[in-house]
Amino acid sequence: TGCDLVVASEGSFGAHPSLVFVPGNDEIILLVDKKNNIEIVGR
């Protein structure tokens, strides 16, 4: 796109990281601001 501000998401499913025998959903939202050299993660 030529944009310098973008957002992407990624999800994972499997064993919960702390409760190993329980299924878990782990979601990441990533904002990258290339112009200001900033990366922010929401999880």
PDB file of all heavy atoms in Angstrom:
ATOM      1  N   THR A   1       0.796  -1.229   0.000  1.00  0.00           N
ATOM      2  CA  THR A   1       0.000   0.000   0.000  1.00  0.00           C
ATOM      3  C   THR A   1       0.824   1.272   0.000  1.00  0.00           C
ATOM      4  O   THR A   1       0.303   2.336  -0.316  1.00  0.00           O
ATOM      5  CB  THR A   1      -0.923   0.046   1.230  1.00  0.00           C
ATOM      6  OG1 THR A   1      -0.106   0.111   2.418  1.00  0.00           O
ATOM      7  CG2 THR A   1      -1.838  -1.172   1.280  1.00  0.00           C
ATOM      8  N   GLY A   2       2.080   1.174   0.416  1.00  0.00           N
ATOM      9  CA  GLY A   2       2.887   2.382   0.559  1.00  0.00           C
ATOM     10  C   GLY A   2       2.597   3.131   1.846  1.00  0.00           C
ATOM     11  O   GLY A   2       3.165   4.190   2.096  1.00  0.00           O
ATOM     12  N   CYS A   3       1.717   2.588   2.673  1.00  0.00           N
ATOM     13  CA  CYS A   3       1.379   3.223   3.953  1.00  0.00           C
ATOM     14  C   CYS A   3       2.498   2.982   4.965  1.00  0.00           C
ATOM     15  O   CYS A   3       3.194   1.973   4.896  1.00  0.00           O
ATOM     16  CB  CYS A   3       0.073   2.662   4.499  1.00  0.00           C
ATOM     17  SG  CYS A   3      -1.366   3.041   3.495  1.00  0.00           S
ATOM     18  N   ASP A   4       2.643   3.913   5.918  1.00  0.00           N
ATOM     19  CA  ASP A   4       3.654   3.725   6.956  1.00  0.00           C
ATOM     20  C   ASP A   4       3.027   3.466   8.321  1.00  0.00           C
ATOM     21  O   ASP A   4       3.712   3.391   9.322  1.00  0.00           O
ATOM     22  CB  ASP A   4       4.614   4.918   7.020  1.00  0.00           C
ATOM     23  CG  ASP A   4       3.897   6.237   7.272  1.00  0.00           C
ATOM     24  OD1 ASP A   4       2.689   6.216   7.599  1.00  0.00           O
ATOM     25  OD2 ASP A   4       4.541   7.286   7.145  1.00  0.00           O
ATOM     26  N   LEU A   5       1.696   3.300   8.349  1.00  0.00           N
ATOM     27  CA  LEU A   5       0.964   2.986   9.569  1.00  0.00           C
ATOM     28  C   LEU A   5       0.040   1.815   9.255  1.00  0.00           C
ATOM     29  O   LEU A   5      -0.872   1.938   8.427  1.00  0.00           O
ATOM     30  CB  LEU A   5       0.143   4.194  10.033  1.00  0.00           C
ATOM     31  CG  LEU A   5      -0.628   4.050  11.340  1.00  0.00           C
ATOM     32  CD1 LEU A   5       0.324   3.885  12.516  1.00  0.00           C
ATOM     33  CD2 LEU A   5      -1.527   5.254  11.551  1.00  0.00           C
ATOM     34  N   VAL A   6       0.292   0.660   9.881  1.00  0.00           N
ATOM     35  CA  VAL A   6      -0.479  -0.545   9.573  1.00  0.00           C
ATOM     36  C   VAL A   6      -0.841  -1.307  10.838  1.00  0.00           C
ATOM     37  O   VAL A   6      -0.178  -1.174  11.871  1.00  0.00           O
ATOM     38  CB  VAL A   6       0.285  -1.493   8.612  1.00  0.00           C
ATOM     39  CG1 VAL A   6       0.471  -0.867   7.251  1.00  0.00           C
ATOM     40  CG2 VAL A   6       1.616  -1.901   9.189  1.00  0.00           C
ATOM     41  N   VAL A   7      -1.897  -2.104  10.735  1.00  0.00           N
ATOM     42  CA  VAL A   7      -2.343  -2.960  11.829  1.00  0.00           C
ATOM     43  C   VAL A   7      -2.534  -4.367  11.269  1.00  0.00           C
ATOM     44  O   VAL A   7      -3.066  -4.529  10.169  1.00  0.00           O
ATOM     45  CB  VAL A   7      -3.678  -2.463  12.430  1.00  0.00           C
ATOM     46  CG1 VAL A   7      -4.183  -3.419  13.497  1.00  0.00           C
ATOM     47  CG2 VAL A   7      -3.536  -1.070  12.986  1.00  0.00           C
ATOM     48  N   ALA A   8      -2.113  -5.368  12.021  1.00  0.00           N
ATOM     49  CA  ALA A   8      -2.317  -6.766  11.632  1.00  0.00           C
ATOM     50  C   ALA A   8      -2.677  -7.577  12.867  1.00  0.00           C
ATOM     51  O   ALA A   8      -2.370  -7.178  13.996  1.00  0.00           O
ATOM     52  CB  ALA A   8      -1.057  -7.334  10.984  1.00  0.00           C
ATOM     53  N   SER A   9      -3.331  -8.704  12.638  1.00  0.00           N
ATOM     54  CA  SER A   9      -3.677  -9.588  13.752  1.00  0.00           C
ATOM     55  C   SER A   9      -3.215 -10.999  13.443  1.00  0.00           C
ATOM     56  O   SER A   9      -3.027 -11.370  12.285  1.00  0.00           O
ATOM     57  CB  SER A   9      -5.183  -9.563  14.002  1.00  0.00           C
ATOM     58  OG  SER A   9      -5.863 -10.156  12.922  1.00  0.00           O
ATOM     59  N   GLU A  10      -3.056 -11.771  14.500  1.00  0.00           N
ATOM     60  CA  GLU A  10      -2.702 -13.182  14.357  1.00  0.00           C
ATOM     61  C   GLU A  10      -3.240 -13.928  15.572  1.00  0.00           C
ATOM     62  O   GLU A  10      -3.111 -13.470  16.703  1.00  0.00           O
ATOM     63  CB  GLU A  10      -1.185 -13.361  14.259  1.00  0.00           C
ATOM     64  CG  GLU A  10      -0.739 -14.766  13.993  1.00  0.00           C
ATOM     65  CD  GLU A  10      -1.164 -15.325  12.636  1.00  0.00           C
ATOM     66  OE1 GLU A  10      -1.644 -14.575  11.763  1.00  0.00           O
ATOM     67  OE2 GLU A  10      -1.015 -16.549  12.449  1.00  0.00           O
ATOM     68  N   GLY A  11      -3.871 -15.051  15.313  1.00  0.00           N
ATOM     69  CA  GLY A  11      -4.434 -15.847  16.393  1.00  0.00           C
ATOM     70  C   GLY A  11      -3.878 -17.255  16.417  1.00  0.00           C
ATOM     71  O   GLY A  11      -3.448 -17.782  15.392  1.00  0.00           O
ATOM     72  N   SER A  12      -3.889 -17.853  17.598  1.00  0.00           N
ATOM     73  CA  SER A  12      -3.423 -19.224  17.785  1.00  0.00           C
ATOM     74  C   SER A  12      -4.387 -19.962  18.704  1.00  0.00           C
ATOM     75  O   SER A  12      -4.980 -19.354  19.605  1.00  0.00           O
ATOM     76  CB  SER A  12      -2.043 -19.243  18.443  1.00  0.00           C
ATOM     77  OG  SER A  12      -1.106 -18.560  17.668  1.00  0.00           O
ATOM     78  N   PHE A  13      -4.484 -21.269  18.492  1.00  0.00           N
ATOM     79  CA  PHE A  13      -5.346 -22.114  19.306  1.00  0.00           C
ATOM     80  C   PHE A  13      -4.588 -23.363  19.699  1.00  0.00           C
ATOM     81  O   PHE A  13      -3.783 -23.877  18.942  1.00  0.00           O
ATOM     82  CB  PHE A  13      -6.611 -22.504  18.533  1.00  0.00           C
ATOM     83  CG  PHE A  13      -7.432 -21.314  18.174  1.00  0.00           C
ATOM     84  CD1 PHE A  13      -7.195 -20.617  16.999  1.00  0.00           C
ATOM     85  CD2 PHE A  13      -8.396 -20.843  19.040  1.00  0.00           C
ATOM     86  CE1 PHE A  13      -7.920 -19.498  16.683  1.00  0.00           C
ATOM     87  CE2 PHE A  13      -9.129 -19.720  18.733  1.00  0.00           C
ATOM     88  CZ  PHE A  13      -8.890 -19.045  17.555  1.00  0.00           C
ATOM     89  N   GLY A  14      -4.859 -23.831  20.892  1.00  0.00           N
ATOM     90  CA  GLY A  14      -4.211 -25.030  21.403  1.00  0.00           C
ATOM     91  C   GLY A  14      -4.291 -25.017  22.905  1.00  0.00           C
ATOM     92  O   GLY A  14      -5.180 -24.398  23.492  1.00  0.00           O
ATOM     93  N   ALA A  15      -3.337 -25.649  23.548  1.00  0.00           N
ATOM     94  CA  ALA A  15      -3.322 -25.688  25.009  1.00  0.00           C
ATOM     95  C   ALA A  15      -3.069 -24.281  25.546  1.00  0.00           C
ATOM     96  O   ALA A  15      -2.206 -23.561  25.056  1.00  0.00           O
ATOM     97  CB  ALA A  15      -2.243 -26.634  25.498  1.00  0.00           C
ATOM     98  N   HIS A  16      -3.847 -23.897  26.541  1.00  0.00           N
ATOM     99  CA  HIS A  16      -3.656 -22.609  27.210  1.00  0.00           C
ATOM    100  C   HIS A  16      -2.247 -22.595  27.814  1.00  0.00           C
ATOM    101  O   HIS A  16      -1.795 -23.607  28.353  1.00  0.00           O
ATOM    102  CB  HIS A  16      -4.720 -22.444  28.297  1.00  0.00           C
ATOM    103  CG  HIS A  16      -4.742 -21.108  28.941  1.00  0.00           C
ATOM    104  ND1 HIS A  16      -3.846 -20.752  29.926  1.00  0.00           N
ATOM    105  CD2 HIS A  16      -5.542 -20.034  28.733  1.00  0.00           C
ATOM    106  CE1 HIS A  16      -4.101 -19.520  30.311  1.00  0.00           C
ATOM    107  NE2 HIS A  16      -5.115 -19.061  29.600  1.00  0.00           N
ATOM    108  N   PRO A  17      -1.524 -21.457  27.740  1.00  0.00           N
ATOM    109  CA  PRO A  17      -0.143 -21.437  28.229  1.00  0.00           C
ATOM    110  C   PRO A  17       0.017 -21.766  29.723  1.00  0.00           C
ATOM    111  O   PRO A  17       1.048 -22.300  30.129  1.00  0.00           O
ATOM    112  CB  PRO A  17       0.336 -20.023  27.934  1.00  0.00           C
ATOM    113  CG  PRO A  17      -0.835 -19.256  27.483  1.00  0.00           C
ATOM    114  CD  PRO A  17      -1.937 -20.206  27.170  1.00  0.00           C
ATOM    115  N   SER A  18      -0.988 -21.460  30.534  1.00  0.00           N
ATOM    116  CA  SER A  18      -0.896 -21.744  31.975  1.00  0.00           C
ATOM    117  C   SER A  18      -1.708 -22.964  32.393  1.00  0.00           C
ATOM    118  O   SER A  18      -1.338 -23.680  33.310  1.00  0.00           O
ATOM    119  CB  SER A  18      -1.415 -20.553  32.794  1.00  0.00           C
ATOM    120  OG  SER A  18      -0.787 -19.380  32.395  1.00  0.00           O
ATOM    121  N   LEU A  19      -2.829 -23.167  31.740  1.00  0.00           N
ATOM    122  CA  LEU A  19      -3.737 -24.270  32.068  1.00  0.00           C
ATOM    123  C   LEU A  19      -3.622 -25.321  30.963  1.00  0.00           C
ATOM    124  O   LEU A  19      -4.471 -25.420  30.093  1.00  0.00           O
ATOM    125  CB  LEU A  19      -5.178 -23.746  32.163  1.00  0.00           C
ATOM    126  CG  LEU A  19      -5.376 -22.492  33.013  1.00  0.00           C
ATOM    127  CD1 LEU A  19      -6.744 -21.882  32.782  1.00  0.00           C
ATOM    128  CD2 LEU A  19      -5.176 -22.840  34.481  1.00  0.00           C
ATOM    129  N   VAL A  20      -2.583 -26.114  31.020  1.00  0.00           N
ATOM    130  CA  VAL A  20      -2.166 -26.958  29.904  1.00  0.00           C
ATOM    131  C   VAL A  20      -3.245 -27.883  29.342  1.00  0.00           C
ATOM    132  O   VAL A  20      -3.234 -28.173  28.161  1.00  0.00           O
ATOM    133  CB  VAL A  20      -0.942 -27.817  30.278  1.00  0.00           C
ATOM    134  CG1 VAL A  20      -0.022 -27.952  29.111  1.00  0.00           C
ATOM    135  CG2 VAL A  20      -0.198 -27.271  31.464  1.00  0.00           C
ATOM    136  N   PHE A  21      -4.181 -28.322  30.149  1.00  0.00           N
ATOM    137  CA  PHE A  21      -5.198 -29.252  29.667  1.00  0.00           C
ATOM    138  C   PHE A  21      -6.483 -28.549  29.235  1.00  0.00           C
ATOM    139  O   PHE A  21      -7.477 -29.205  28.956  1.00  0.00           O
ATOM    140  CB  PHE A  21      -5.505 -30.309  30.747  1.00  0.00           C
ATOM    141  CG  PHE A  21      -4.298 -31.133  31.072  1.00  0.00           C
ATOM    142  CD1 PHE A  21      -3.616 -30.969  32.266  1.00  0.00           C
ATOM    143  CD2 PHE A  21      -3.816 -32.060  30.158  1.00  0.00           C
ATOM    144  CE1 PHE A  21      -2.491 -31.723  32.559  1.00  0.00           C
ATOM    145  CE2 PHE A  21      -2.688 -32.817  30.443  1.00  0.00           C
ATOM    146  CZ  PHE A  21      -2.019 -32.651  31.645  1.00  0.00           C
ATOM    147  N   VAL A  22      -6.439 -27.221  29.149  1.00  0.00           N
ATOM    148  CA  VAL A  22      -7.599 -26.428  28.759  1.00  0.00           C
ATOM    149  C   VAL A  22      -7.298 -25.763  27.420  1.00  0.00           C
ATOM    150  O   VAL A  22      -6.231 -25.174  27.252  1.00  0.00           O
ATOM    151  CB  VAL A  22      -7.896 -25.355  29.842  1.00  0.00           C
ATOM    152  CG1 VAL A  22      -9.037 -24.458  29.429  1.00  0.00           C
ATOM    153  CG2 VAL A  22      -8.169 -26.013  31.180  1.00  0.00           C
ATOM    154  N   PRO A  23      -8.234 -25.844  26.457  1.00  0.00           N
ATOM    155  CA  PRO A  23      -7.995 -25.163  25.181  1.00  0.00           C
ATOM    156  C   PRO A  23      -7.942 -23.650  25.370  1.00  0.00           C
ATOM    157  O   PRO A  23      -8.683 -23.088  26.175  1.00  0.00           O
ATOM    158  CB  PRO A  23      -9.183 -25.557  24.311  1.00  0.00           C
ATOM    159  CG  PRO A  23      -9.999 -26.506  25.086  1.00  0.00           C
ATOM    160  CD  PRO A  23      -9.476 -26.579  26.480  1.00  0.00           C
ATOM    161  N   GLY A  24      -7.064 -23.017  24.627  1.00  0.00           N
ATOM    162  CA  GLY A  24      -6.912 -21.573  24.730  1.00  0.00           C
ATOM    163  C   GLY A  24      -6.893 -20.892  23.380  1.00  0.00           C
ATOM    164  O   GLY A  24      -6.569 -21.491  22.359  1.00  0.00           O
ATOM    165  N   ASN A  25      -7.282 -19.628  23.397  1.00  0.00           N
ATOM    166  CA  ASN A  25      -7.253 -18.749  22.217  1.00  0.00           C
ATOM    167  C   ASN A  25      -6.329 -17.592  22.557  1.00  0.00           C
ATOM    168  O   ASN A  25      -6.556 -16.876  23.522  1.00  0.00           O
ATOM    169  CB  ASN A  25      -8.670 -18.263  21.904  1.00  0.00           C
ATOM    170  CG  ASN A  25      -8.726 -17.222  20.805  1.00  0.00           C
ATOM    171  OD1 ASN A  25      -9.294 -16.191  20.970  1.00  0.00           O
ATOM    172  ND2 ASN A  25      -8.182 -17.484  19.677  1.00  0.00           N
ATOM    173  N   ASP A  26      -5.268 -17.418  21.772  1.00  0.00           N
ATOM    174  CA  ASP A  26      -4.274 -16.367  21.984  1.00  0.00           C
ATOM    175  C   ASP A  26      -4.321 -15.442  20.775  1.00  0.00           C
ATOM    176  O   ASP A  26      -4.037 -15.860  19.658  1.00  0.00           O
ATOM    177  CB  ASP A  26      -2.891 -17.014  22.125  1.00  0.00           C
ATOM    178  CG  ASP A  26      -1.801 -16.034  22.528  1.00  0.00           C
ATOM    179  OD1 ASP A  26      -2.061 -14.818  22.579  1.00  0.00           O
ATOM    180  OD2 ASP A  26      -0.679 -16.510  22.780  1.00  0.00           O
ATOM    181  N   GLU A  27      -4.695 -14.187  20.997  1.00  0.00           N
ATOM    182  CA  GLU A  27      -4.835 -13.216  19.908  1.00  0.00           C
ATOM    183  C   GLU A  27      -3.847 -12.072  20.091  1.00  0.00           C
ATOM    184  O   GLU A  27      -3.677 -11.549  21.195  1.00  0.00           O
ATOM    185  CB  GLU A  27      -6.252 -12.640  19.859  1.00  0.00           C
ATOM    186  CG  GLU A  27      -7.330 -13.650  19.544  1.00  0.00           C
ATOM    187  CD  GLU A  27      -7.292 -14.187  18.117  1.00  0.00           C
ATOM    188  OE1 GLU A  27      -6.630 -13.589  17.241  1.00  0.00           O
ATOM    189  OE2 GLU A  27      -7.934 -15.240  17.887  1.00  0.00           O
ATOM    190  N   ILE A  28      -3.221 -11.691  18.991  1.00  0.00           N
ATOM    191  CA  ILE A  28      -2.289 -10.564  18.966  1.00  0.00           C
ATOM    192  C   ILE A  28      -2.776  -9.566  17.929  1.00  0.00           C
ATOM    193  O   ILE A  28      -3.115  -9.944  16.804  1.00  0.00           O
ATOM    194  CB  ILE A  28      -0.866 -11.027  18.591  1.00  0.00           C
ATOM    195  CG1 ILE A  28      -0.280 -11.861  19.730  1.00  0.00           C
ATOM    196  CG2 ILE A  28       0.040  -9.849  18.265  1.00  0.00           C
ATOM    197  CD1 ILE A  28       1.075 -12.469  19.408  1.00  0.00           C
ATOM    198  N   ILE A  29      -2.806  -8.291  18.323  1.00  0.00           N
ATOM    199  CA  ILE A  29      -3.056  -7.188  17.395  1.00  0.00           C
ATOM    200  C   ILE A  29      -1.795  -6.337  17.424  1.00  0.00           C
ATOM    201  O   ILE A  29      -1.354  -5.915  18.504  1.00  0.00           O
ATOM    202  CB  ILE A  29      -4.269  -6.324  17.816  1.00  0.00           C
ATOM    203  CG1 ILE A  29      -5.519  -7.180  18.020  1.00  0.00           C
ATOM    204  CG2 ILE A  29      -4.508  -5.210  16.806  1.00  0.00           C
ATOM    205  CD1 ILE A  29      -6.100  -7.777  16.778  1.00  0.00           C
ATOM    206  N   LEU A  30      -1.229  -6.099  16.261  1.00  0.00           N
ATOM    207  CA  LEU A  30       0.029  -5.357  16.173  1.00  0.00           C
ATOM    208  C   LEU A  30      -0.175  -4.101  15.339  1.00  0.00           C
ATOM    209  O   LEU A  30      -0.704  -4.161  14.230  1.00  0.00           O
ATOM    210  CB  LEU A  30       1.103  -6.234  15.517  1.00  0.00           C
ATOM    211  CG  LEU A  30       2.454  -5.581  15.246  1.00  0.00           C
ATOM    212  CD1 LEU A  30       3.151  -5.196  16.550  1.00  0.00           C
ATOM    213  CD2 LEU A  30       3.331  -6.522  14.422  1.00  0.00           C
ATOM    214  N   LEU A  31       0.235  -2.962  15.898  1.00  0.00           N
ATOM    215  CA  LEU A  31       0.232  -1.695  15.175  1.00  0.00           C
ATOM    216  C   LEU A  31       1.686  -1.293  14.944  1.00  0.00           C
ATOM    217  O   LEU A  31       2.474  -1.271  15.896  1.00  0.00           O
ATOM    218  CB  LEU A  31      -0.483  -0.602  15.976  1.00  0.00           C
ATOM    219  CG  LEU A  31      -0.536   0.765  15.291  1.00  0.00           C
ATOM    220  CD1 LEU A  31      -1.898   1.411  15.511  1.00  0.00           C
ATOM    221  CD2 LEU A  31       0.562   1.691  15.781  1.00  0.00           C
ATOM    222  N   VAL A  32       2.040  -1.023  13.694  1.00  0.00           N
ATOM    223  CA  VAL A  32       3.383  -0.579  13.354  1.00  0.00           C
ATOM    224  C   VAL A  32       3.285   0.803  12.720  1.00  0.00           C
ATOM    225  O   VAL A  32       2.552   1.010  11.756  1.00  0.00           O
ATOM    226  CB  VAL A  32       4.085  -1.562  12.387  1.00  0.00           C
ATOM    227  CG1 VAL A  32       5.433  -1.006  11.937  1.00  0.00           C
ATOM    228  CG2 VAL A  32       4.273  -2.915  13.047  1.00  0.00           C
ATOM    229  N   ASP A  33       4.024   1.746  13.314  1.00  0.00           N
ATOM    230  CA  ASP A  33       4.147   3.115  12.798  1.00  0.00           C
ATOM    231  C   ASP A  33       5.596   3.264  12.333  1.00  0.00           C
ATOM    232  O   ASP A  33       6.488   3.521  13.131  1.00  0.00           O
ATOM    233  CB  ASP A  33       3.808   4.111  13.900  1.00  0.00           C
ATOM    234  CG  ASP A  33       3.925   5.559  13.457  1.00  0.00           C
ATOM    235  OD1 ASP A  33       4.552   5.838  12.409  1.00  0.00           O
ATOM    236  OD2 ASP A  33       3.395   6.426  14.179  1.00  0.00           O
ATOM    237  N   LYS A  34       5.817   3.043  11.050  1.00  0.00           N
ATOM    238  CA  LYS A  34       7.176   3.045  10.491  1.00  0.00           C
ATOM    239  C   LYS A  34       7.806   4.438  10.567  1.00  0.00           C
ATOM    240  O   LYS A  34       8.988   4.573  10.865  1.00  0.00           O
ATOM    241  CB  LYS A  34       7.116   2.556   9.042  1.00  0.00           C
ATOM    242  CG  LYS A  34       8.430   2.269   8.418  1.00  0.00           C
ATOM    243  CD  LYS A  34       8.921   0.927   8.866  1.00  0.00           C
ATOM    244  CE  LYS A  34       9.987   0.409   7.918  1.00  0.00           C
ATOM    245  NZ  LYS A  34      10.450  -0.893   8.289  1.00  0.00           N
ATOM    246  N   LYS A  35       7.007   5.470  10.334  1.00  0.00           N
ATOM    247  CA  LYS A  35       7.509   6.840  10.312  1.00  0.00           C
ATOM    248  C   LYS A  35       8.095   7.234  11.667  1.00  0.00           C
ATOM    249  O   LYS A  35       9.141   7.874  11.743  1.00  0.00           O
ATOM    250  CB  LYS A  35       6.381   7.803   9.916  1.00  0.00           C
ATOM    251  CG  LYS A  35       6.826   9.242   9.755  1.00  0.00           C
ATOM    252  CD  LYS A  35       5.760  10.063   9.055  1.00  0.00           C
ATOM    253  CE  LYS A  35       4.923  10.782  10.072  1.00  0.00           C
ATOM    254  NZ  LYS A  35       3.884  11.622   9.462  1.00  0.00           N
ATOM    255  N   ASN A  36       7.441   6.828  12.738  1.00  0.00           N
ATOM    256  CA  ASN A  36       7.889   7.172  14.085  1.00  0.00           C
ATOM    257  C   ASN A  36       8.629   6.031  14.774  1.00  0.00           C
ATOM    258  O   ASN A  36       8.943   6.121  15.967  1.00  0.00           O
ATOM    259  CB  ASN A  36       6.701   7.619  14.936  1.00  0.00           C
ATOM    260  CG  ASN A  36       6.090   8.891  14.393  1.00  0.00           C
ATOM    261  OD1 ASN A  36       6.758   9.914  14.326  1.00  0.00           O
ATOM    262  ND2 ASN A  36       4.833   8.824  13.958  1.00  0.00           N
ATOM    263  N   ASN A  37       8.833   4.931  14.048  1.00  0.00           N
ATOM    264  CA  ASN A  37       9.538   3.764  14.571  1.00  0.00           C
ATOM    265  C   ASN A  37       8.914   3.242  15.871  1.00  0.00           C
ATOM    266  O   ASN A  37       9.590   3.043  16.881  1.00  0.00           O
ATOM    267  CB  ASN A  37      11.031   4.075  14.766  1.00  0.00           C
ATOM    268  CG  ASN A  37      11.857   2.806  14.854  1.00  0.00           C
ATOM    269  OD1 ASN A  37      11.473   1.776  14.314  1.00  0.00           O
ATOM    270  ND2 ASN A  37      12.973   2.887  15.552  1.00  0.00           N
ATOM    271  N   ILE A  38       7.578   3.046  15.808  1.00  0.00           N
ATOM    272  CA  ILE A  38       6.824   2.582  16.975  1.00  0.00           C
ATOM    273  C   ILE A  38       6.122   1.272  16.633  1.00  0.00           C
ATOM    274  O   ILE A  38       5.568   1.116  15.545  1.00  0.00           O
ATOM    275  CB  ILE A  38       5.756   3.626  17.397  1.00  0.00           C
ATOM    276  CG1 ILE A  38       6.420   4.929  17.835  1.00  0.00           C
ATOM    277  CG2 ILE A  38       4.871   3.079  18.511  1.00  0.00           C
ATOM    278  CD1 ILE A  38       5.435   6.063  18.046  1.00  0.00           C
ATOM    279  N   GLU A  39       6.142   0.349  17.586  1.00  0.00           N
ATOM    280  CA  GLU A  39       5.411  -0.900  17.481  1.00  0.00           C
ATOM    281  C   GLU A  39       4.636  -1.091  18.777  1.00  0.00           C
ATOM    282  O   GLU A  39       5.220  -1.029  19.857  1.00  0.00           O
ATOM    283  CB  GLU A  39       6.389  -2.058  17.265  1.00  0.00           C
ATOM    284  CG  GLU A  39       5.720  -3.396  17.164  1.00  0.00           C
ATOM    285  CD  GLU A  39       6.707  -4.533  16.952  1.00  0.00           C
ATOM    286  OE1 GLU A  39       7.216  -4.659  15.829  1.00  0.00           O
ATOM    287  OE2 GLU A  39       6.962  -5.275  17.919  1.00  0.00           O
ATOM    288  N   ILE A  40       3.325  -1.308  18.653  1.00  0.00           N
ATOM    289  CA  ILE A  40       2.478  -1.516  19.832  1.00  0.00           C
ATOM    290  C   ILE A  40       1.735  -2.836  19.661  1.00  0.00           C
ATOM    291  O   ILE A  40       1.162  -3.099  18.607  1.00  0.00           O
ATOM    292  CB  ILE A  40       1.460  -0.364  20.009  1.00  0.00           C
ATOM    293  CG1 ILE A  40       2.180   0.984  20.096  1.00  0.00           C
ATOM    294  CG2 ILE A  40       0.614  -0.599  21.253  1.00  0.00           C
ATOM    295  CD1 ILE A  40       1.243   2.174  20.045  1.00  0.00           C
ATOM    296  N   VAL A  41       1.761  -3.659  20.727  1.00  0.00           N
ATOM    297  CA  VAL A  41       1.106  -4.968  20.687  1.00  0.00           C
ATOM    298  C   VAL A  41      -0.021  -5.000  21.697  1.00  0.00           C
ATOM    299  O   VAL A  41       0.152  -4.621  22.854  1.00  0.00           O
ATOM    300  CB  VAL A  41       2.114  -6.100  21.018  1.00  0.00           C
ATOM    301  CG1 VAL A  41       1.412  -7.451  21.043  1.00  0.00           C
ATOM    302  CG2 VAL A  41       3.260  -6.110  20.027  1.00  0.00           C
ATOM    303  N   GLY A  42      -1.180  -5.450  21.251  1.00  0.00           N
ATOM    304  CA  GLY A  42      -2.283  -5.770  22.147  1.00  0.00           C
ATOM    305  C   GLY A  42      -2.456  -7.274  22.124  1.00  0.00           C
ATOM    306  O   GLY A  42      -2.438  -7.889  21.054  1.00  0.00           O
ATOM    307  N   ARG A  43      -2.604  -7.889  23.293  1.00  0.00           N
ATOM    308  CA  ARG A  43      -2.711  -9.346  23.351  1.00  0.00           C
ATOM    309  C   ARG A  43      -3.796  -9.753  24.333  1.00  0.00           C
ATOM    310  O   ARG A  43      -3.938  -9.156  25.394  1.00  0.00           O
ATOM    311  CB  ARG A  43      -1.378  -9.952  23.786  1.00  0.00           C
ATOM    312  CG  ARG A  43      -1.364 -11.460  23.780  1.00  0.00           C
ATOM    313  CD  ARG A  43      -0.001 -11.999  24.149  1.00  0.00           C
ATOM    314  NE  ARG A  43       0.038 -13.445  24.042  1.00  0.00           N
ATOM    315  CZ  ARG A  43       0.949 -14.199  24.603  1.00  0.00           C
ATOM    316  NH1 ARG A  43       1.929 -13.648  25.304  1.00  0.00           N
ATOM    317  NH2 ARG A  43       0.913 -15.506  24.471  1.00  0.00           N
TER     318      ARG A  43
END
